[in-house]
């Protein structure tokens, strides 16, 4: 029998009355297969592209910096559009033509 709030919480956890905490950094497996990442060359964008490509997704991203975007595309196998994200209509039309409908836009 436990003393105090923390002790009671631990007793409840051990008895199965509380759910197990999930790690906050664990990413779930995605079901999307064709994804457009709008902020591709930011650190978060790069991590997202790498994670999606590792799971077998087709990934496209837009970045006006052709050198940096081309290097990321070469390294990850993602499709690079050397356009600003504001040119979304043009990017979507091209992806529709090559891949069909997108599953997600991030």
N, C-alpha and C. Protein backbone atom coordinates (compact mmCIF):
# COMPACT_ATOMS: atom_id res chain seq x y z
N UNK A 1 0.85 -1.17 0.00
CA UNK A 1 0.00 0.00 0.00
C UNK A 1 0.89 1.23 0.00
N UNK A 2 0.56 2.19 -0.81
CA UNK A 2 1.44 3.34 -1.01
C UNK A 2 0.98 4.55 -0.22
N UNK A 3 1.96 5.38 0.08
CA UNK A 3 1.70 6.68 0.71
C UNK A 3 1.67 7.75 -0.36
N UNK A 4 0.74 8.64 -0.30
CA UNK A 4 0.74 9.80 -1.16
C UNK A 4 0.29 9.53 -2.59
N UNK A 5 0.23 10.61 -3.30
CA UNK A 5 -0.29 10.58 -4.67
C UNK A 5 0.57 9.75 -5.61
N UNK A 6 1.88 9.98 -5.61
CA UNK A 6 2.79 9.27 -6.52
C UNK A 6 2.76 7.77 -6.24
N UNK A 7 2.77 7.41 -5.00
CA UNK A 7 2.71 5.99 -4.64
C UNK A 7 1.43 5.34 -5.12
N UNK A 8 0.30 6.04 -4.97
CA UNK A 8 -0.99 5.50 -5.45
C UNK A 8 -0.99 5.36 -6.96
N UNK A 9 -0.43 6.34 -7.67
CA UNK A 9 -0.35 6.26 -9.12
C UNK A 9 0.48 5.05 -9.55
N UNK A 10 1.59 4.81 -8.87
CA UNK A 10 2.43 3.65 -9.20
C UNK A 10 1.68 2.35 -8.93
N UNK A 11 0.95 2.29 -7.82
CA UNK A 11 0.15 1.08 -7.53
C UNK A 11 -0.89 0.85 -8.62
N UNK A 12 -1.58 1.94 -9.05
CA UNK A 12 -2.57 1.82 -10.12
C UNK A 12 -1.92 1.38 -11.43
N UNK A 13 -0.76 1.91 -11.72
CA UNK A 13 -0.05 1.55 -12.95
C UNK A 13 0.34 0.07 -12.93
N UNK A 14 0.91 -0.37 -11.83
CA UNK A 14 1.33 -1.78 -11.71
C UNK A 14 0.13 -2.73 -11.79
N UNK A 15 -1.00 -2.27 -11.29
CA UNK A 15 -2.21 -3.11 -11.31
C UNK A 15 -2.93 -3.07 -12.66
N UNK A 16 -2.43 -2.24 -13.58
CA UNK A 16 -3.04 -2.17 -14.90
C UNK A 16 -4.23 -1.24 -15.00
N UNK A 17 -4.44 -0.43 -13.99
CA UNK A 17 -5.56 0.50 -14.02
C UNK A 17 -5.23 1.79 -14.77
N UNK A 18 -3.97 2.02 -15.06
CA UNK A 18 -3.53 3.17 -15.85
C UNK A 18 -2.85 2.66 -17.12
N UNK A 19 -3.04 3.37 -18.22
CA UNK A 19 -2.37 2.96 -19.46
C UNK A 19 -0.89 3.23 -19.41
N UNK A 20 -0.18 2.52 -20.21
CA UNK A 20 1.27 2.74 -20.29
C UNK A 20 1.53 4.05 -21.02
N UNK A 21 2.48 4.83 -20.54
CA UNK A 21 2.83 6.05 -21.26
C UNK A 21 3.53 5.71 -22.56
N UNK A 22 3.23 6.47 -23.60
CA UNK A 22 3.87 6.23 -24.88
C UNK A 22 5.02 7.21 -25.06
N UNK A 23 6.13 6.78 -25.63
CA UNK A 23 7.24 7.70 -25.86
C UNK A 23 6.79 8.81 -26.80
N UNK A 24 7.11 10.04 -26.46
CA UNK A 24 6.65 11.18 -27.25
C UNK A 24 7.38 11.29 -28.59
N UNK A 25 8.57 10.73 -28.71
CA UNK A 25 9.34 10.85 -29.95
C UNK A 25 9.08 9.71 -30.93
N UNK A 26 8.32 8.71 -30.52
CA UNK A 26 8.05 7.59 -31.42
C UNK A 26 7.02 8.01 -32.46
N UNK A 27 7.33 7.78 -33.72
CA UNK A 27 6.41 8.13 -34.80
C UNK A 27 5.67 6.90 -35.26
N UNK A 28 4.42 7.06 -35.50
CA UNK A 28 3.60 5.95 -35.98
C UNK A 28 3.90 5.69 -37.45
N UNK A 29 3.68 4.49 -37.87
CA UNK A 29 3.84 4.14 -39.28
C UNK A 29 2.75 4.86 -40.08
N UNK A 30 3.15 5.47 -41.17
CA UNK A 30 2.18 6.23 -41.97
C UNK A 30 1.50 5.32 -42.98
N UNK A 31 0.30 5.71 -43.35
CA UNK A 31 -0.42 4.96 -44.38
C UNK A 31 -0.42 5.72 -45.70
N UNK A 32 -0.07 7.00 -45.67
CA UNK A 32 -0.01 7.79 -46.90
C UNK A 32 1.15 7.28 -47.76
N UNK A 33 0.98 7.27 -49.04
CA UNK A 33 2.01 6.77 -49.95
C UNK A 33 2.54 7.85 -50.90
N UNK A 34 1.78 8.90 -51.13
CA UNK A 34 2.21 10.00 -52.01
C UNK A 34 2.04 11.29 -51.22
N UNK A 35 3.17 11.91 -50.87
CA UNK A 35 3.15 13.02 -49.93
C UNK A 35 3.91 14.22 -50.51
N UNK A 36 3.34 15.41 -50.32
CA UNK A 36 3.99 16.66 -50.66
C UNK A 36 4.34 17.37 -49.37
N UNK A 37 5.64 17.67 -49.19
CA UNK A 37 6.12 18.40 -48.01
C UNK A 37 6.43 19.82 -48.45
N UNK A 38 5.72 20.79 -47.89
CA UNK A 38 5.86 22.17 -48.36
C UNK A 38 7.08 22.88 -47.79
N UNK A 39 7.57 22.47 -46.66
CA UNK A 39 8.71 23.14 -46.05
C UNK A 39 9.88 22.17 -46.00
N UNK A 40 10.31 21.72 -47.17
CA UNK A 40 11.20 20.58 -47.27
C UNK A 40 12.60 20.73 -46.76
N UNK A 41 13.19 21.90 -46.82
CA UNK A 41 14.61 21.99 -46.45
C UNK A 41 14.84 22.57 -45.06
N UNK A 42 13.79 22.74 -44.27
CA UNK A 42 13.98 23.09 -42.87
C UNK A 42 14.39 21.82 -42.13
N UNK A 43 14.97 21.92 -40.95
CA UNK A 43 15.34 20.69 -40.23
C UNK A 43 14.17 19.73 -40.03
N UNK A 44 13.00 20.26 -39.68
CA UNK A 44 11.82 19.39 -39.51
C UNK A 44 11.39 18.79 -40.84
N UNK A 45 11.45 19.58 -41.90
CA UNK A 45 11.08 19.09 -43.22
C UNK A 45 12.00 17.98 -43.69
N UNK A 46 13.30 18.15 -43.48
CA UNK A 46 14.28 17.13 -43.87
C UNK A 46 14.02 15.84 -43.10
N UNK A 47 13.79 15.95 -41.81
CA UNK A 47 13.51 14.76 -40.99
C UNK A 47 12.23 14.06 -41.46
N UNK A 48 11.22 14.85 -41.81
CA UNK A 48 9.96 14.28 -42.30
C UNK A 48 10.18 13.56 -43.62
N UNK A 49 10.91 14.18 -44.53
CA UNK A 49 11.19 13.55 -45.83
C UNK A 49 11.96 12.26 -45.64
N UNK A 50 12.99 12.28 -44.81
CA UNK A 50 13.78 11.07 -44.59
C UNK A 50 12.94 9.96 -43.98
N UNK A 51 12.09 10.30 -43.03
CA UNK A 51 11.25 9.29 -42.38
C UNK A 51 10.24 8.68 -43.37
N UNK A 52 9.61 9.55 -44.17
CA UNK A 52 8.63 9.06 -45.14
C UNK A 52 9.30 8.20 -46.21
N UNK A 53 10.45 8.62 -46.69
CA UNK A 53 11.16 7.83 -47.70
C UNK A 53 11.60 6.48 -47.14
N UNK A 54 12.01 6.47 -45.87
CA UNK A 54 12.41 5.21 -45.24
C UNK A 54 11.24 4.24 -45.14
N UNK A 55 10.02 4.77 -45.11
CA UNK A 55 8.83 3.92 -45.04
C UNK A 55 8.27 3.61 -46.43
N UNK A 56 8.99 4.01 -47.47
CA UNK A 56 8.60 3.65 -48.82
C UNK A 56 7.63 4.60 -49.49
N UNK A 57 7.43 5.77 -48.93
CA UNK A 57 6.50 6.75 -49.53
C UNK A 57 7.17 7.49 -50.69
N UNK A 58 6.37 7.89 -51.65
CA UNK A 58 6.81 8.83 -52.67
C UNK A 58 6.69 10.21 -52.04
N UNK A 59 7.76 10.98 -52.09
CA UNK A 59 7.77 12.28 -51.44
C UNK A 59 8.24 13.33 -52.43
N UNK A 60 7.53 14.45 -52.46
CA UNK A 60 7.93 15.61 -53.23
C UNK A 60 8.01 16.80 -52.28
N UNK A 61 8.89 17.75 -52.59
CA UNK A 61 8.99 18.95 -51.78
C UNK A 61 9.35 20.13 -52.66
N UNK A 62 8.98 21.32 -52.19
CA UNK A 62 9.26 22.54 -52.93
C UNK A 62 10.28 23.37 -52.15
N UNK A 63 11.27 23.88 -52.87
CA UNK A 63 12.23 24.80 -52.27
C UNK A 63 12.88 25.61 -53.38
N UNK A 64 12.87 26.93 -53.28
CA UNK A 64 13.46 27.75 -54.34
C UNK A 64 14.98 27.67 -54.41
N UNK A 65 15.64 27.20 -53.36
CA UNK A 65 17.10 27.05 -53.38
C UNK A 65 17.44 25.77 -54.14
N UNK A 66 17.80 25.92 -55.41
CA UNK A 66 18.00 24.74 -56.26
C UNK A 66 19.17 23.88 -55.80
N UNK A 67 20.23 24.50 -55.30
CA UNK A 67 21.40 23.71 -54.89
C UNK A 67 21.06 22.85 -53.66
N UNK A 68 20.48 23.47 -52.66
CA UNK A 68 20.14 22.73 -51.44
C UNK A 68 19.04 21.71 -51.70
N UNK A 69 18.04 22.09 -52.49
CA UNK A 69 16.95 21.17 -52.81
C UNK A 69 17.42 19.98 -53.63
N UNK A 70 18.30 20.25 -54.60
CA UNK A 70 18.83 19.15 -55.42
C UNK A 70 19.66 18.19 -54.59
N UNK A 71 20.43 18.71 -53.65
CA UNK A 71 21.24 17.84 -52.78
C UNK A 71 20.35 16.95 -51.92
N UNK A 72 19.29 17.53 -51.37
CA UNK A 72 18.36 16.75 -50.55
C UNK A 72 17.65 15.69 -51.40
N UNK A 73 17.24 16.07 -52.59
CA UNK A 73 16.56 15.12 -53.49
C UNK A 73 17.50 13.97 -53.86
N UNK A 74 18.74 14.30 -54.14
CA UNK A 74 19.74 13.27 -54.49
C UNK A 74 19.96 12.30 -53.33
N UNK A 75 20.06 12.86 -52.12
CA UNK A 75 20.34 12.03 -50.95
C UNK A 75 19.16 11.15 -50.54
N UNK A 76 17.93 11.67 -50.69
CA UNK A 76 16.76 10.94 -50.18
C UNK A 76 15.95 10.23 -51.25
N UNK A 77 16.11 10.63 -52.50
CA UNK A 77 15.29 10.06 -53.55
C UNK A 77 13.93 10.74 -53.67
N UNK A 78 13.76 11.86 -52.99
CA UNK A 78 12.50 12.61 -53.08
C UNK A 78 12.51 13.45 -54.36
N UNK A 79 11.35 13.90 -54.76
CA UNK A 79 11.21 14.73 -55.95
C UNK A 79 11.26 16.20 -55.53
N UNK A 80 12.15 16.97 -56.14
CA UNK A 80 12.34 18.38 -55.78
C UNK A 80 11.72 19.29 -56.83
N UNK A 81 10.96 20.27 -56.35
CA UNK A 81 10.42 21.32 -57.20
C UNK A 81 11.14 22.61 -56.84
N UNK A 82 11.97 23.15 -57.75
CA UNK A 82 12.71 24.39 -57.42
C UNK A 82 11.81 25.62 -57.52
N UNK A 83 10.69 25.56 -56.86
CA UNK A 83 9.70 26.62 -56.87
C UNK A 83 9.39 27.00 -55.44
N UNK A 84 8.95 28.21 -55.21
CA UNK A 84 8.49 28.54 -53.86
C UNK A 84 7.20 27.79 -53.56
N UNK A 85 6.94 27.48 -52.29
CA UNK A 85 5.71 26.77 -51.94
C UNK A 85 4.45 27.51 -52.40
N UNK A 86 4.56 28.80 -52.69
CA UNK A 86 3.39 29.55 -53.16
C UNK A 86 2.94 29.09 -54.54
N UNK A 87 3.79 28.40 -55.28
CA UNK A 87 3.44 27.89 -56.60
C UNK A 87 2.75 26.52 -56.48
N UNK A 88 1.97 26.37 -55.44
CA UNK A 88 1.34 25.09 -55.10
C UNK A 88 0.49 24.53 -56.23
N UNK A 89 -0.25 25.36 -56.91
CA UNK A 89 -1.13 24.88 -57.99
C UNK A 89 -0.31 24.18 -59.08
N UNK A 90 0.79 24.77 -59.47
CA UNK A 90 1.65 24.18 -60.50
C UNK A 90 2.25 22.86 -60.03
N UNK A 91 2.68 22.83 -58.79
CA UNK A 91 3.25 21.60 -58.22
C UNK A 91 2.19 20.50 -58.16
N UNK A 92 1.00 20.83 -57.70
CA UNK A 92 -0.07 19.83 -57.60
C UNK A 92 -0.47 19.28 -58.96
N UNK A 93 -0.52 20.13 -59.98
CA UNK A 93 -0.85 19.66 -61.32
C UNK A 93 0.20 18.68 -61.83
N UNK A 94 1.47 18.99 -61.61
CA UNK A 94 2.54 18.10 -62.07
C UNK A 94 2.51 16.77 -61.33
N UNK A 95 2.32 16.81 -60.01
CA UNK A 95 2.26 15.57 -59.25
C UNK A 95 1.04 14.73 -59.63
N UNK A 96 -0.07 15.38 -59.88
CA UNK A 96 -1.28 14.66 -60.31
C UNK A 96 -1.00 13.93 -61.62
N UNK A 97 -0.29 14.58 -62.52
CA UNK A 97 0.04 13.98 -63.81
C UNK A 97 0.96 12.77 -63.63
N UNK A 98 1.95 12.85 -62.74
CA UNK A 98 2.93 11.78 -62.58
C UNK A 98 2.52 10.69 -61.59
N UNK A 99 1.88 11.06 -60.51
CA UNK A 99 1.58 10.10 -59.45
C UNK A 99 0.10 9.83 -59.24
N UNK A 100 -0.76 10.66 -59.76
CA UNK A 100 -2.17 10.56 -59.42
C UNK A 100 -2.43 11.42 -58.17
N UNK A 101 -3.55 11.20 -57.51
CA UNK A 101 -3.89 12.05 -56.36
C UNK A 101 -2.92 11.83 -55.19
N UNK A 102 -2.66 12.92 -54.47
CA UNK A 102 -1.80 12.84 -53.29
C UNK A 102 -2.58 12.28 -52.11
N UNK A 103 -1.86 11.63 -51.22
CA UNK A 103 -2.47 11.13 -49.98
C UNK A 103 -2.37 12.16 -48.86
N UNK A 104 -1.32 13.00 -48.89
CA UNK A 104 -1.14 13.98 -47.82
C UNK A 104 -0.30 15.15 -48.31
N UNK A 105 -0.58 16.30 -47.74
CA UNK A 105 0.24 17.50 -47.93
C UNK A 105 0.64 17.95 -46.54
N UNK A 106 1.93 18.02 -46.31
CA UNK A 106 2.44 18.41 -44.99
C UNK A 106 3.15 19.75 -45.10
